[in-house]
Amino acid sequence: MYPPHFGNNPLFPNKKDFRVVLKNHVSGMGVMTYKAFAKGDLICALAGDIITDIRQHSLQIEPGVHLYDIYFSGYFLHSCAPNVDLDMKNLRVYATRDINPMEYLMMDYAQTEDVLFKQFPCSCGAENCRGWITGRKELPYADAVLPNGFRLPENQFDECQSI
């Protein structure tokens, strides 16, 4: 799935086991697995370009350093109850639960991102759904309307400090 300039790591994802496909017009593109994984399994190693700015399809390695992966992990969909865990220090992906063939790989964007490229309402449907997707160090936008119709109070942001 990765172009040759990233090398030939046998742990990289391949087209036999994964595909980037359109899930729907709300979620967009996602990574579907054709292979089963048990909880704790190493799913794959990641590759991409190292960049200093936040972009769509990038994952934060550390503050100010991001992995720009437009081939695979940049298409992991969000869930408040993810089925994968990303080890960004070692660029590895692990299963957080058993994953069946034909499932999408789902991560919690707040696991890796301090600030998201773009916040959005969550439609994951998980029991613990937060309703609005943000980075781990940011509050929802002032105009955020959660799926249940709840609107955040306008004064919630008066005492916010910059990150």
N, C-alpha and C. Protein backbone atom coordinates (compact mmCIF):
# COMPACT_ATOMS: atom_id res chain seq x y z
N MET A 1 0.82 -1.20 0.00
CA MET A 1 0.00 0.00 0.00
C MET A 1 0.87 1.26 0.00
N TYR A 2 2.05 1.15 0.61
CA TYR A 2 2.95 2.29 0.61
C TYR A 2 3.80 2.28 -0.65
N PRO A 3 4.14 3.47 -1.16
CA PRO A 3 5.02 3.52 -2.34
C PRO A 3 6.43 3.02 -2.00
N PRO A 4 7.19 2.62 -3.01
CA PRO A 4 8.51 2.02 -2.79
C PRO A 4 9.49 2.89 -1.99
N HIS A 5 9.36 4.22 -2.07
CA HIS A 5 10.35 5.06 -1.37
C HIS A 5 10.25 4.95 0.15
N PHE A 6 9.20 4.31 0.69
CA PHE A 6 9.12 4.07 2.13
C PHE A 6 9.81 2.78 2.53
N GLY A 7 10.31 2.03 1.59
CA GLY A 7 11.00 0.78 1.89
C GLY A 7 10.07 -0.41 1.76
N ASN A 8 10.59 -1.57 2.12
CA ASN A 8 9.85 -2.82 1.96
C ASN A 8 9.77 -3.55 3.30
N ASN A 9 9.16 -2.92 4.28
CA ASN A 9 9.02 -3.51 5.61
C ASN A 9 7.91 -4.57 5.56
N PRO A 10 8.19 -5.82 5.92
CA PRO A 10 7.14 -6.84 5.89
C PRO A 10 5.98 -6.56 6.85
N LEU A 11 6.16 -5.63 7.79
CA LEU A 11 5.08 -5.26 8.70
C LEU A 11 4.15 -4.19 8.12
N PHE A 12 4.52 -3.61 6.98
CA PHE A 12 3.65 -2.62 6.35
C PHE A 12 2.35 -3.28 5.89
N PRO A 13 1.25 -2.52 5.90
CA PRO A 13 -0.01 -3.08 5.40
C PRO A 13 0.10 -3.40 3.92
N ASN A 14 -0.69 -4.39 3.48
CA ASN A 14 -0.67 -4.77 2.06
C ASN A 14 -2.10 -4.83 1.53
N LYS A 15 -2.22 -4.82 0.21
CA LYS A 15 -3.54 -4.79 -0.44
C LYS A 15 -4.30 -6.10 -0.29
N LYS A 16 -3.63 -7.16 0.09
CA LYS A 16 -4.31 -8.43 0.32
C LYS A 16 -5.12 -8.38 1.62
N ASP A 17 -4.61 -7.67 2.62
CA ASP A 17 -5.22 -7.64 3.95
C ASP A 17 -6.07 -6.40 4.23
N PHE A 18 -5.86 -5.32 3.49
CA PHE A 18 -6.54 -4.06 3.77
C PHE A 18 -6.92 -3.34 2.48
N ARG A 19 -7.97 -2.53 2.57
CA ARG A 19 -8.36 -1.65 1.48
C ARG A 19 -8.86 -0.33 2.07
N VAL A 20 -8.56 0.77 1.40
CA VAL A 20 -9.14 2.06 1.74
C VAL A 20 -10.37 2.20 0.85
N VAL A 21 -11.54 2.25 1.50
CA VAL A 21 -12.81 2.26 0.76
C VAL A 21 -13.74 3.33 1.33
N LEU A 22 -14.73 3.72 0.54
CA LEU A 22 -15.75 4.66 1.00
C LEU A 22 -16.72 3.93 1.92
N LYS A 23 -16.79 4.36 3.18
CA LYS A 23 -17.76 3.77 4.11
C LYS A 23 -19.15 4.32 3.82
N ASN A 24 -19.26 5.64 3.84
CA ASN A 24 -20.50 6.33 3.49
C ASN A 24 -20.16 7.81 3.31
N HIS A 25 -21.17 8.62 2.98
CA HIS A 25 -20.89 10.03 2.71
C HIS A 25 -20.77 10.87 3.98
N VAL A 26 -21.07 10.29 5.13
CA VAL A 26 -20.87 10.99 6.41
C VAL A 26 -19.46 10.72 6.92
N SER A 27 -19.09 9.45 7.01
CA SER A 27 -17.78 9.06 7.54
C SER A 27 -16.67 9.24 6.52
N GLY A 28 -16.97 9.07 5.26
CA GLY A 28 -15.96 9.19 4.22
C GLY A 28 -15.19 7.89 4.03
N MET A 29 -13.94 8.02 3.63
CA MET A 29 -13.08 6.87 3.36
C MET A 29 -12.58 6.27 4.66
N GLY A 30 -12.43 4.95 4.66
CA GLY A 30 -11.92 4.25 5.83
C GLY A 30 -11.11 3.04 5.43
N VAL A 31 -10.34 2.52 6.37
CA VAL A 31 -9.53 1.32 6.13
C VAL A 31 -10.32 0.10 6.60
N MET A 32 -10.59 -0.80 5.66
CA MET A 32 -11.28 -2.05 5.97
C MET A 32 -10.25 -3.17 5.97
N THR A 33 -10.38 -4.06 6.94
CA THR A 33 -9.49 -5.22 6.99
C THR A 33 -10.18 -6.44 6.39
N TYR A 34 -9.40 -7.24 5.70
CA TYR A 34 -9.89 -8.52 5.17
C TYR A 34 -9.33 -9.68 5.99
N LYS A 35 -8.67 -9.34 7.08
CA LYS A 35 -7.99 -10.32 7.92
C LYS A 35 -8.49 -10.17 9.35
N ALA A 36 -8.58 -11.27 10.08
CA ALA A 36 -8.97 -11.23 11.50
C ALA A 36 -7.75 -10.94 12.37
N PHE A 37 -7.99 -10.22 13.45
CA PHE A 37 -6.95 -9.94 14.44
C PHE A 37 -7.51 -10.21 15.82
N ALA A 38 -6.69 -10.77 16.69
CA ALA A 38 -7.07 -10.98 18.09
C ALA A 38 -6.65 -9.77 18.91
N LYS A 39 -7.32 -9.55 20.03
CA LYS A 39 -6.96 -8.46 20.93
C LYS A 39 -5.47 -8.55 21.26
N GLY A 40 -4.77 -7.42 21.10
CA GLY A 40 -3.34 -7.36 21.40
C GLY A 40 -2.44 -7.63 20.21
N ASP A 41 -2.99 -8.13 19.10
CA ASP A 41 -2.17 -8.42 17.92
C ASP A 41 -1.56 -7.15 17.34
N LEU A 42 -0.32 -7.28 16.86
CA LEU A 42 0.27 -6.22 16.05
C LEU A 42 -0.41 -6.28 14.69
N ILE A 43 -1.04 -5.21 14.30
CA ILE A 43 -1.74 -5.17 13.01
C ILE A 43 -0.77 -4.80 11.90
N CYS A 44 0.04 -3.79 12.12
CA CYS A 44 0.99 -3.37 11.09
C CYS A 44 1.92 -2.28 11.62
N ALA A 45 2.92 -1.97 10.80
CA ALA A 45 3.79 -0.82 11.02
C ALA A 45 3.31 0.30 10.11
N LEU A 46 3.59 1.54 10.49
CA LEU A 46 3.16 2.69 9.72
C LEU A 46 4.34 3.38 9.05
N ALA A 47 4.05 4.11 8.00
CA ALA A 47 5.05 4.92 7.30
C ALA A 47 4.36 6.20 6.84
N GLY A 48 5.15 7.13 6.39
CA GLY A 48 4.62 8.39 5.87
C GLY A 48 5.70 9.44 5.92
N ASP A 49 5.33 10.63 5.54
CA ASP A 49 6.26 11.76 5.58
C ASP A 49 6.16 12.43 6.94
N ILE A 50 7.29 12.84 7.50
CA ILE A 50 7.32 13.57 8.77
C ILE A 50 7.18 15.05 8.44
N ILE A 51 6.17 15.69 9.04
CA ILE A 51 5.88 17.09 8.78
C ILE A 51 5.73 17.82 10.11
N THR A 52 5.72 19.15 10.06
CA THR A 52 5.61 19.94 11.29
C THR A 52 4.25 20.61 11.45
N ASP A 53 3.40 20.55 10.44
CA ASP A 53 2.08 21.18 10.53
C ASP A 53 0.99 20.12 10.60
N ILE A 54 -0.17 20.53 11.10
CA ILE A 54 -1.32 19.64 11.20
C ILE A 54 -2.04 19.64 9.86
N ARG A 55 -2.31 18.46 9.34
CA ARG A 55 -3.06 18.33 8.08
C ARG A 55 -4.10 17.24 8.24
N GLN A 56 -5.08 17.27 7.33
CA GLN A 56 -5.99 16.14 7.27
C GLN A 56 -5.15 14.93 6.87
N HIS A 57 -5.41 13.79 7.46
CA HIS A 57 -4.69 12.53 7.23
C HIS A 57 -3.33 12.47 7.93
N SER A 58 -3.02 13.44 8.80
CA SER A 58 -1.78 13.34 9.56
C SER A 58 -2.09 12.86 10.98
N LEU A 59 -1.10 12.24 11.60
CA LEU A 59 -1.20 11.76 12.98
C LEU A 59 -0.05 12.36 13.77
N GLN A 60 -0.34 12.88 14.95
CA GLN A 60 0.68 13.51 15.78
C GLN A 60 1.58 12.45 16.40
N ILE A 61 2.88 12.61 16.19
CA ILE A 61 3.87 11.75 16.84
C ILE A 61 4.23 12.34 18.20
N GLU A 62 4.45 13.63 18.20
CA GLU A 62 4.71 14.42 19.41
C GLU A 62 4.35 15.85 19.06
N PRO A 63 4.28 16.76 20.03
CA PRO A 63 3.92 18.13 19.70
C PRO A 63 4.83 18.70 18.60
N GLY A 64 4.21 19.21 17.54
CA GLY A 64 4.94 19.81 16.43
C GLY A 64 5.52 18.83 15.43
N VAL A 65 5.28 17.54 15.61
CA VAL A 65 5.79 16.51 14.69
C VAL A 65 4.64 15.57 14.34
N HIS A 66 4.39 15.43 13.04
CA HIS A 66 3.25 14.64 12.57
C HIS A 66 3.68 13.67 11.47
N LEU A 67 3.00 12.53 11.43
CA LEU A 67 3.17 11.55 10.36
C LEU A 67 2.07 11.81 9.34
N TYR A 68 2.45 12.16 8.14
CA TYR A 68 1.49 12.42 7.06
C TYR A 68 1.41 11.16 6.22
N ASP A 69 0.34 10.40 6.44
CA ASP A 69 0.16 9.10 5.79
C ASP A 69 -1.13 9.13 4.97
N ILE A 70 -1.00 9.43 3.68
CA ILE A 70 -2.16 9.50 2.80
C ILE A 70 -2.46 8.16 2.14
N TYR A 71 -1.78 7.11 2.59
CA TYR A 71 -1.94 5.79 1.98
C TYR A 71 -2.70 4.82 2.87
N PHE A 72 -2.61 4.99 4.20
CA PHE A 72 -3.19 4.00 5.10
C PHE A 72 -3.76 4.63 6.37
N SER A 73 -2.92 4.90 7.36
CA SER A 73 -3.43 5.31 8.68
C SER A 73 -4.15 6.66 8.65
N GLY A 74 -3.88 7.50 7.68
CA GLY A 74 -4.61 8.75 7.55
C GLY A 74 -6.08 8.55 7.27
N TYR A 75 -6.46 7.32 6.94
CA TYR A 75 -7.86 7.00 6.67
C TYR A 75 -8.53 6.18 7.77
N PHE A 76 -7.86 6.01 8.92
CA PHE A 76 -8.53 5.35 10.03
C PHE A 76 -9.72 6.21 10.43
N LEU A 77 -10.86 5.60 10.60
CA LEU A 77 -12.05 6.31 11.03
C LEU A 77 -12.02 6.49 12.54
N HIS A 78 -12.82 7.45 13.03
CA HIS A 78 -12.89 7.70 14.47
C HIS A 78 -13.98 6.86 15.11
N SER A 79 -13.72 6.41 16.32
CA SER A 79 -14.74 5.85 17.21
C SER A 79 -14.36 6.19 18.64
N CYS A 80 -15.36 6.50 19.44
CA CYS A 80 -15.13 6.72 20.87
C CYS A 80 -14.86 5.39 21.58
N ALA A 81 -15.10 4.27 20.89
CA ALA A 81 -14.78 2.92 21.38
C ALA A 81 -13.93 2.25 20.29
N PRO A 82 -12.66 2.65 20.16
CA PRO A 82 -11.82 2.20 19.04
C PRO A 82 -11.49 0.71 19.08
N ASN A 83 -11.13 0.17 17.91
CA ASN A 83 -10.66 -1.22 17.86
C ASN A 83 -9.16 -1.30 17.63
N VAL A 84 -8.50 -0.14 17.48
CA VAL A 84 -7.04 -0.12 17.34
C VAL A 84 -6.44 0.90 18.29
N ASP A 85 -5.19 0.66 18.65
CA ASP A 85 -4.38 1.54 19.47
C ASP A 85 -3.12 1.85 18.68
N LEU A 86 -2.76 3.11 18.60
CA LEU A 86 -1.58 3.50 17.84
C LEU A 86 -0.42 3.81 18.77
N ASP A 87 0.71 3.17 18.54
CA ASP A 87 1.96 3.46 19.24
C ASP A 87 2.73 4.38 18.31
N MET A 88 2.58 5.69 18.52
CA MET A 88 3.18 6.66 17.60
C MET A 88 4.69 6.77 17.78
N LYS A 89 5.21 6.38 18.92
CA LYS A 89 6.67 6.41 19.11
C LYS A 89 7.34 5.38 18.21
N ASN A 90 6.74 4.20 18.10
CA ASN A 90 7.31 3.12 17.30
C ASN A 90 6.58 2.90 15.98
N LEU A 91 5.58 3.72 15.70
CA LEU A 91 4.78 3.65 14.47
C LEU A 91 4.21 2.25 14.25
N ARG A 92 3.47 1.79 15.25
CA ARG A 92 2.84 0.47 15.21
C ARG A 92 1.36 0.60 15.55
N VAL A 93 0.55 -0.31 15.03
CA VAL A 93 -0.89 -0.35 15.28
C VAL A 93 -1.22 -1.70 15.90
N TYR A 94 -1.96 -1.68 17.01
CA TYR A 94 -2.35 -2.90 17.73
C TYR A 94 -3.87 -2.98 17.85
N ALA A 95 -4.39 -4.20 17.91
CA ALA A 95 -5.82 -4.43 18.10
C ALA A 95 -6.17 -4.27 19.58
N THR A 96 -7.19 -3.47 19.89
CA THR A 96 -7.64 -3.30 21.28
C THR A 96 -8.73 -4.31 21.64
N ARG A 97 -9.23 -4.99 20.64
CA ARG A 97 -10.23 -6.05 20.83
C ARG A 97 -10.12 -6.96 19.61
N ASP A 98 -10.82 -8.08 19.62
CA ASP A 98 -10.86 -8.93 18.44
C ASP A 98 -11.48 -8.14 17.29
N ILE A 99 -10.87 -8.25 16.11
CA ILE A 99 -11.36 -7.56 14.91
C ILE A 99 -11.62 -8.62 13.85
N ASN A 100 -12.81 -8.58 13.29
CA ASN A 100 -13.20 -9.54 12.26
C ASN A 100 -12.93 -9.01 10.86
N PRO A 101 -12.77 -9.90 9.89
CA PRO A 101 -12.67 -9.45 8.50
C PRO A 101 -13.90 -8.60 8.14
N MET A 102 -13.70 -7.62 7.28
CA MET A 102 -14.73 -6.70 6.80
C MET A 102 -15.09 -5.62 7.83
N GLU A 103 -14.30 -5.47 8.88
CA GLU A 103 -14.48 -4.37 9.82
C GLU A 103 -13.55 -3.23 9.43
N TYR A 104 -13.97 -2.02 9.78
CA TYR A 104 -13.12 -0.85 9.59
C TYR A 104 -12.19 -0.71 10.79
N LEU A 105 -10.98 -0.24 10.54
CA LEU A 105 -10.06 0.08 11.63
C LEU A 105 -10.47 1.45 12.17
N MET A 106 -10.75 1.48 13.47
CA MET A 106 -11.28 2.67 14.12
C MET A 106 -10.38 3.07 15.28
N MET A 107 -9.97 4.32 15.27
CA MET A 107 -9.14 4.86 16.35
C MET A 107 -9.89 5.99 17.03
N ASP A 108 -9.45 6.37 18.22
CA ASP A 108 -9.97 7.56 18.87
C ASP A 108 -9.00 8.68 18.52
N TYR A 109 -9.45 9.65 17.75
CA TYR A 109 -8.55 10.73 17.30
C TYR A 109 -7.91 11.48 18.46
N ALA A 110 -8.58 11.53 19.61
CA ALA A 110 -8.00 12.21 20.77
C ALA A 110 -6.84 11.43 21.37
N GLN A 111 -6.65 10.18 20.96
CA GLN A 111 -5.51 9.40 21.46
C GLN A 111 -4.19 9.98 20.96
N THR A 112 -4.16 10.44 19.72
CA THR A 112 -2.89 10.92 19.16
C THR A 112 -2.84 12.43 18.99
N GLU A 113 -3.97 13.09 18.87
CA GLU A 113 -3.98 14.51 18.47
C GLU A 113 -4.22 15.45 19.65
N ASP A 114 -3.33 16.42 19.83
CA ASP A 114 -3.58 17.49 20.80
C ASP A 114 -4.68 18.40 20.26
N VAL A 115 -4.57 18.75 18.98
CA VAL A 115 -5.52 19.61 18.29
C VAL A 115 -5.83 18.98 16.94
N LEU A 116 -7.10 18.88 16.61
CA LEU A 116 -7.48 18.28 15.33
C LEU A 116 -7.34 19.27 14.18
N PHE A 117 -7.12 18.75 13.00
CA PHE A 117 -7.15 19.56 11.78
C PHE A 117 -8.51 20.24 11.66
N LYS A 118 -9.57 19.49 12.00
CA LYS A 118 -10.93 20.02 11.94
C LYS A 118 -11.80 19.22 12.91
N GLN A 119 -12.50 19.89 13.81
CA GLN A 119 -13.45 19.22 14.70
C GLN A 119 -14.71 18.87 13.92
N PHE A 120 -15.47 17.88 14.46
CA PHE A 120 -16.71 17.49 13.79
C PHE A 120 -17.60 16.72 14.75
N PRO A 121 -18.91 16.64 14.44
CA PRO A 121 -19.80 15.85 15.28
C PRO A 121 -19.50 14.38 15.12
N CYS A 122 -19.62 13.64 16.20
CA CYS A 122 -19.34 12.20 16.17
C CYS A 122 -20.62 11.44 15.84
N SER A 123 -20.47 10.44 15.01
CA SER A 123 -21.61 9.58 14.67
C SER A 123 -21.25 8.12 14.88
N CYS A 124 -20.31 7.86 15.82
CA CYS A 124 -19.81 6.48 15.99
C CYS A 124 -20.85 5.54 16.58
N GLY A 125 -21.78 6.07 17.37
CA GLY A 125 -22.82 5.23 17.95
C GLY A 125 -22.38 4.43 19.17
N ALA A 126 -21.16 4.63 19.64
CA ALA A 126 -20.67 3.89 20.81
C ALA A 126 -21.44 4.32 22.06
N GLU A 127 -21.55 3.42 23.01
CA GLU A 127 -22.24 3.72 24.27
C GLU A 127 -21.60 4.91 24.97
N ASN A 128 -20.28 5.04 24.85
CA ASN A 128 -19.55 6.13 25.51
C ASN A 128 -19.25 7.29 24.55
N CYS A 129 -20.04 7.45 23.49
CA CYS A 129 -19.79 8.48 22.49
C CYS A 129 -19.78 9.87 23.13
N ARG A 130 -18.75 10.65 22.81
CA ARG A 130 -18.61 12.00 23.35
C ARG A 130 -19.44 13.02 22.57
N GLY A 131 -19.93 12.67 21.39
CA GLY A 131 -20.80 13.55 20.64
C GLY A 131 -20.10 14.53 19.73
N TRP A 132 -18.90 14.96 20.10
CA TRP A 132 -18.16 15.94 19.30
C TRP A 132 -16.69 15.55 19.36
N ILE A 133 -16.04 15.50 18.23
CA ILE A 133 -14.66 15.03 18.16
C ILE A 133 -13.70 16.21 18.21
N THR A 134 -12.82 16.17 19.20
CA THR A 134 -11.78 17.19 19.38
C THR A 134 -10.46 16.49 19.64
N GLY A 135 -9.39 17.27 19.61
CA GLY A 135 -8.12 16.78 20.09
C GLY A 135 -8.17 16.72 21.61
N ARG A 136 -7.17 16.07 22.20
CA ARG A 136 -7.20 15.88 23.66
C ARG A 136 -6.95 17.16 24.44
N LYS A 137 -6.41 18.20 23.80
CA LYS A 137 -6.11 19.44 24.51
C LYS A 137 -6.93 20.62 24.02
N GLU A 138 -8.08 20.35 23.40
CA GLU A 138 -8.90 21.45 22.93
C GLU A 138 -10.35 21.24 23.33
N LEU A 139 -11.04 22.35 23.52
CA LEU A 139 -12.47 22.31 23.79
C LEU A 139 -13.22 22.33 22.47
N PRO A 140 -14.48 21.91 22.48
CA PRO A 140 -15.27 22.00 21.25
C PRO A 140 -15.40 23.44 20.78
N TYR A 141 -15.54 23.62 19.47
CA TYR A 141 -15.79 24.95 18.92
C TYR A 141 -16.97 25.58 19.62
N ALA A 142 -16.98 26.90 19.71
CA ALA A 142 -18.05 27.61 20.39
C ALA A 142 -19.41 27.35 19.75
N ASP A 143 -19.45 27.06 18.46
CA ASP A 143 -20.73 26.83 17.79
C ASP A 143 -21.07 25.35 17.66
N ALA A 144 -20.40 24.51 18.45
CA ALA A 144 -20.63 23.06 18.37
C ALA A 144 -22.04 22.71 18.83
N VAL A 145 -22.73 21.96 18.00
CA VAL A 145 -24.04 21.42 18.37
C VAL A 145 -23.89 19.91 18.37
N LEU A 146 -24.06 19.30 19.52
CA LEU A 146 -23.89 17.87 19.64
C LEU A 146 -25.07 17.15 19.00
N PRO A 147 -24.88 15.88 18.60
CA PRO A 147 -25.94 15.16 17.90
C PRO A 147 -27.28 15.11 18.62
N ASN A 148 -27.28 15.16 19.93
CA ASN A 148 -28.54 15.12 20.68
C ASN A 148 -29.21 16.48 20.76
N GLY A 149 -28.67 17.49 20.05
CA GLY A 149 -29.25 18.82 20.04
C GLY A 149 -28.73 19.72 21.14
N PHE A 150 -27.92 19.19 22.06
CA PHE A 150 -27.36 19.97 23.15
C PHE A 150 -26.36 20.97 22.58
N ARG A 151 -26.50 22.23 22.96
CA ARG A 151 -25.56 23.26 22.53
C ARG A 151 -24.72 23.67 23.74
N LEU A 152 -23.44 23.80 23.52
CA LEU A 152 -22.55 24.20 24.61
C LEU A 152 -22.86 25.64 25.01
N PRO A 153 -22.80 25.96 26.31
CA PRO A 153 -23.04 27.33 26.75
C PRO A 153 -21.99 28.27 26.16
N GLU A 154 -22.42 29.46 25.74
CA GLU A 154 -21.49 30.39 25.10
C GLU A 154 -20.36 30.81 26.02
N ASN A 155 -20.61 30.89 27.32
CA ASN A 155 -19.57 31.33 28.25
C ASN A 155 -18.59 30.23 28.62
N GLN A 156 -18.77 29.03 28.09
CA GLN A 156 -17.87 27.92 28.42
C GLN A 156 -16.43 28.23 28.02
N PHE A 157 -16.25 29.10 27.04
CA PHE A 157 -14.92 29.34 26.50
C PHE A 157 -14.26 30.59 27.07
N ASP A 158 -14.95 31.31 27.98
CA ASP A 158 -14.42 32.56 28.50
C ASP A 158 -13.10 32.39 29.24
N GLU A 159 -12.92 31.26 29.94
CA GLU A 159 -11.73 31.07 30.74
C GLU A 159 -10.73 30.12 30.10
N CYS A 160 -10.91 29.82 28.82
CA CYS A 160 -10.00 28.89 28.14
C CYS A 160 -8.63 29.55 27.98
N GLN A 161 -7.61 28.76 28.17
CA GLN A 161 -6.26 29.23 27.93
C GLN A 161 -5.74 28.56 26.68
N SER A 162 -4.84 29.24 26.00
CA SER A 162 -4.28 28.61 24.80
C SER A 162 -3.38 27.45 25.21
N ILE A 163 -3.23 26.54 24.30
CA ILE A 163 -2.45 25.32 24.56
C ILE A 163 -0.97 25.62 24.53
